[in-house]
Amino acid sequence: MFEGLDFELQKGELVAIMGASGVGKTTFLNLLGALDKPTEGTILLDGEDIHAKEEKEKARLRNTNIGFVFQFYHLLPEFTTLENVLLPLLIRGMDKHEGKKKAFAVLKEVLLEDKIDQKPSLLSGGEQQRVAIARALVNEPKLLLADEPTGNLDWKSGQAIMRLIQEIHQKKDLSSIIVTHNEKIAQFCQKVYIMDAGKLKLFHFS
């Protein structure tokens, strides 16, 4: 799918990747996030080849260094808001009491401290995405990967989510990549790339 693709994300950059459906945007994010393995080539995170690592080490890397936000939230329906955000901390091995305090603090950052006992089904789409963002950030990752984070939301809610991502990106000094098909959403980012025929080209708004 990709041939001769070179891409570099500088520390602190907020970058959008646009392109038609099926060009490989999600696959690209999955490769960067160590969810998929490239057949050839190298992907470096802080100078380390992430795919040269053993599976257990890659899983640890994903849990601690990379935050994922998806279009469809992927929250566990039987868990409360707090429990959904707590889960990555428990996987990491953090004490449950400490983890709850940290999960609550992150939910407060996304303005959901009054929803900690709610199940996902009782939340709006925008609120569910805020929970998903809190879950992605709770382990203090260096890299945030968001695949169509506003794709399931109306324009007003989508704008609010992008403003939140923008704010958190700056506050936490993240390096972030947002995949979107929406040009207005892409304009929240510092750089925009268009993916086409397995290549990435820098795009400038007229």
Protein backbone atom coordinates (compact mmCIF):
# COMPACT_ATOMS: atom_id res chain seq x y z
CA MET A 1 0.00 0.00 0.00
CA PHE A 2 2.84 2.40 0.89
CA GLU A 3 6.00 2.62 -1.18
CA GLY A 4 8.85 4.98 -0.40
CA LEU A 5 6.78 6.78 2.23
CA ASP A 6 8.79 9.12 4.44
CA PHE A 7 7.19 10.97 7.32
CA GLU A 8 8.62 12.75 10.33
CA LEU A 9 6.66 14.14 13.26
CA GLN A 10 8.56 16.65 15.33
CA LYS A 11 8.11 16.78 19.11
CA GLY A 12 5.22 19.06 19.97
CA GLU A 13 3.64 19.07 16.49
CA LEU A 14 -0.10 18.73 15.92
CA VAL A 15 -0.55 17.30 12.42
CA ALA A 16 -3.62 16.36 10.38
CA ILE A 17 -3.71 13.68 7.70
CA MET A 18 -6.48 13.89 5.12
CA GLY A 19 -7.38 11.75 2.14
CA ALA A 20 -10.17 9.81 0.47
CA SER A 21 -11.61 6.69 2.06
CA GLY A 22 -9.49 3.60 1.49
CA VAL A 23 -6.17 5.37 0.83
CA GLY A 24 -4.62 3.92 3.98
CA LYS A 25 -4.95 6.63 6.64
CA THR A 26 -6.05 4.21 9.38
CA THR A 27 -3.43 1.64 8.33
CA PHE A 28 -0.80 4.38 8.57
CA LEU A 29 -1.89 5.24 12.13
CA ASN A 30 -1.93 1.56 13.09
CA LEU A 31 1.66 1.21 11.84
CA LEU A 32 2.80 4.28 13.77
CA GLY A 33 1.03 3.02 16.90
CA ALA A 34 2.56 -0.48 16.72
CA LEU A 35 -0.85 -2.09 16.16
CA ASP A 36 0.20 -3.33 12.69
CA LYS A 37 3.67 -4.37 11.57
CA PRO A 38 5.17 -3.10 8.30
CA THR A 39 6.38 -5.67 5.78
CA GLU A 40 9.46 -3.50 5.28
CA GLY A 41 10.83 -0.18 6.41
CA THR A 42 11.42 1.28 9.87
CA ILE A 43 9.26 3.22 12.31
CA LEU A 44 11.15 5.08 15.00
CA LEU A 45 9.79 6.49 18.25
CA ASP A 46 12.38 8.60 20.07
CA GLY A 47 15.01 6.99 17.86
CA GLU A 48 14.00 3.40 18.70
CA ASP A 49 12.64 0.96 16.11
CA ILE A 50 9.30 0.04 17.67
CA HIS A 51 8.82 -3.04 15.49
CA ALA A 52 12.19 -4.50 16.46
CA LYS A 53 10.79 -5.04 19.96
CA GLU A 54 9.20 -8.22 21.31
CA GLU A 55 5.38 -8.28 21.41
CA LYS A 56 5.29 -7.88 25.20
CA GLU A 57 7.53 -4.82 25.01
CA LYS A 58 5.44 -3.38 22.14
CA ALA A 59 2.29 -3.81 24.25
CA ARG A 60 3.98 -1.98 27.13
CA LEU A 61 5.06 0.78 24.75
CA ARG A 62 1.50 1.19 23.42
CA ASN A 63 0.12 1.32 26.96
CA THR A 64 2.59 3.89 28.31
CA ASN A 65 3.85 6.00 25.39
CA ILE A 66 1.02 6.10 22.85
CA GLY A 67 -2.55 7.30 23.35
CA PHE A 68 -5.22 6.18 20.87
CA VAL A 69 -8.55 7.89 20.15
CA PHE A 70 -10.94 6.22 17.71
CA GLN A 71 -14.04 7.32 15.81
CA PHE A 72 -16.26 4.78 17.58
CA TYR A 73 -14.96 5.42 21.14
CA HIS A 74 -14.54 1.68 22.02
CA LEU A 75 -15.67 2.21 25.60
CA LEU A 76 -16.65 -0.85 27.62
CA PRO A 77 -20.45 -0.55 28.04
CA GLU A 78 -20.63 -2.40 31.36
CA PHE A 79 -18.03 -0.10 32.96
CA THR A 80 -18.57 3.38 34.36
CA THR A 81 -16.78 6.42 32.97
CA LEU A 82 -14.23 6.24 35.79
CA GLU A 83 -13.65 2.50 35.29
CA ASN A 84 -13.10 2.94 31.53
CA VAL A 85 -10.38 5.53 32.19
CA LEU A 86 -8.91 3.52 35.07
CA LEU A 87 -8.41 0.37 32.99
CA PRO A 88 -5.09 1.31 31.26
CA LEU A 89 -3.63 2.15 34.68
CA LEU A 90 -4.61 -1.25 36.09
CA ILE A 91 -3.11 -2.96 33.01
CA ARG A 92 0.07 -1.04 33.74
CA GLY A 93 0.05 -2.40 37.30
CA MET A 94 -0.89 0.73 39.22
CA ASP A 95 -2.57 0.41 42.63
CA LYS A 96 -6.36 0.70 42.22
CA HIS A 97 -6.76 3.49 44.79
CA GLU A 98 -4.01 5.57 43.19
CA GLY A 99 -5.39 4.78 39.75
CA LYS A 100 -8.85 6.03 40.66
CA LYS A 101 -7.40 9.35 41.84
CA LYS A 102 -5.46 9.73 38.60
CA ALA A 103 -8.43 8.71 36.42
CA PHE A 104 -10.63 11.24 38.23
CA ALA A 105 -8.04 14.01 37.71
CA VAL A 106 -7.94 13.34 33.95
CA LEU A 107 -11.74 13.23 33.72
CA LYS A 108 -11.76 16.60 35.47
CA GLU A 109 -9.45 17.93 32.74
CA VAL A 110 -11.99 16.93 30.07
CA LEU A 111 -14.83 18.44 32.16
CA LEU A 112 -16.52 15.15 33.05
CA GLU A 113 -15.95 14.98 36.82
CA ASP A 114 -19.75 14.98 37.32
CA LYS A 115 -20.18 11.89 35.09
CA ILE A 116 -17.74 9.47 36.74
CA ASP A 117 -20.45 6.97 37.76
CA GLN A 118 -22.34 7.06 34.46
CA LYS A 119 -22.24 4.19 31.97
CA PRO A 120 -21.38 5.11 28.34
CA SER A 121 -24.97 4.53 27.16
CA LEU A 122 -26.12 7.48 29.29
CA LEU A 123 -23.60 9.87 27.75
CA SER A 124 -23.87 11.94 24.57
CA GLY A 125 -21.52 11.20 21.66
CA GLY A 126 -19.35 14.18 22.56
CA GLU A 127 -19.15 13.07 26.20
CA GLN A 128 -18.22 9.51 25.17
CA GLN A 129 -15.42 10.90 23.02
CA ARG A 130 -14.19 12.97 25.99
CA VAL A 131 -14.05 9.77 28.05
CA ALA A 132 -12.07 8.13 25.23
CA ILE A 133 -9.65 11.09 25.19
CA ALA A 134 -9.24 10.86 28.98
CA ARG A 135 -8.51 7.14 28.66
CA ALA A 136 -5.93 7.85 25.95
CA LEU A 137 -4.20 10.43 28.15
CA VAL A 138 -4.32 8.76 31.56
CA ASN A 139 -0.91 7.07 31.15
CA GLU A 140 0.69 10.37 30.09
CA PRO A 141 1.73 9.30 26.57
CA LYS A 142 4.21 11.16 24.39
CA LEU A 143 2.28 10.47 21.19
CA LEU A 144 -1.45 10.91 20.59
CA LEU A 145 -3.01 9.18 17.55
CA ALA A 146 -6.62 10.08 16.77
CA ASP A 147 -8.49 8.35 13.94
CA GLU A 148 -11.49 10.46 12.83
CA PRO A 149 -12.12 11.63 16.43
CA THR A 150 -15.02 13.86 15.28
CA GLY A 151 -16.38 11.54 12.59
CA ASN A 152 -19.39 10.43 14.66
CA LEU A 153 -20.26 13.90 15.96
CA ASP A 154 -22.22 16.87 14.72
CA TRP A 155 -20.23 19.98 13.77
CA LYS A 156 -20.67 21.78 17.10
CA SER A 157 -19.61 18.73 19.14
CA GLY A 158 -16.77 18.03 16.69
CA GLN A 159 -15.43 21.55 17.08
CA ALA A 160 -15.56 21.22 20.87
CA ILE A 161 -13.61 17.94 20.72
CA MET A 162 -10.94 19.45 18.46
CA ARG A 163 -10.58 22.48 20.72
CA LEU A 164 -10.14 20.07 23.64
CA ILE A 165 -7.50 18.04 21.76
CA GLN A 166 -5.74 21.27 20.77
CA GLU A 167 -5.74 22.52 24.36
CA ILE A 168 -4.56 19.23 25.86
CA HIS A 169 -1.93 18.82 23.13
CA GLN A 170 -0.38 22.15 24.12
CA LYS A 171 -0.80 21.70 27.87
CA LYS A 172 0.80 18.25 27.93
CA ASP A 173 3.41 18.95 25.23
CA LEU A 174 2.19 16.03 23.13
CA SER A 175 3.11 15.07 19.60
CA SER A 176 -0.22 14.40 17.88
CA ILE A 177 -1.59 13.08 14.59
CA ILE A 178 -5.25 13.52 13.68
CA VAL A 179 -6.73 11.59 10.77
CA THR A 180 -9.78 13.36 9.35
CA HIS A 181 -11.73 13.74 6.11
CA ASN A 182 -12.98 17.15 7.27
CA GLU A 183 -10.99 20.14 6.04
CA LYS A 184 -12.43 22.39 8.77
CA ILE A 185 -11.24 19.96 11.45
CA ALA A 186 -7.80 19.76 9.80
CA GLN A 187 -7.47 23.54 10.14
CA PHE A 188 -7.14 23.13 13.91
CA CYS A 189 -3.73 21.55 13.24
CA GLN A 190 -0.33 23.14 12.58
CA LYS A 191 0.38 21.07 9.48
CA VAL A 192 -1.88 19.18 7.10
CA TYR A 193 -0.81 16.29 4.85
CA ILE A 194 -2.83 14.74 2.05
CA MET A 195 -2.48 10.98 1.60
CA ASP A 196 -2.83 9.81 -1.98
CA ALA A 197 -1.52 6.73 -3.80
CA GLY A 198 0.56 5.69 -0.80
CA LYS A 199 2.29 9.07 -0.53
CA LEU A 200 1.98 12.03 1.84
CA LYS A 201 2.09 15.58 0.52
CA LEU A 202 2.13 18.74 2.62
CA PHE A 203 -1.05 20.70 2.01
CA HIS A 204 -1.52 24.48 2.25
CA PHE A 205 -4.97 26.01 2.66
CA SER A 206 -5.64 28.75 0.10
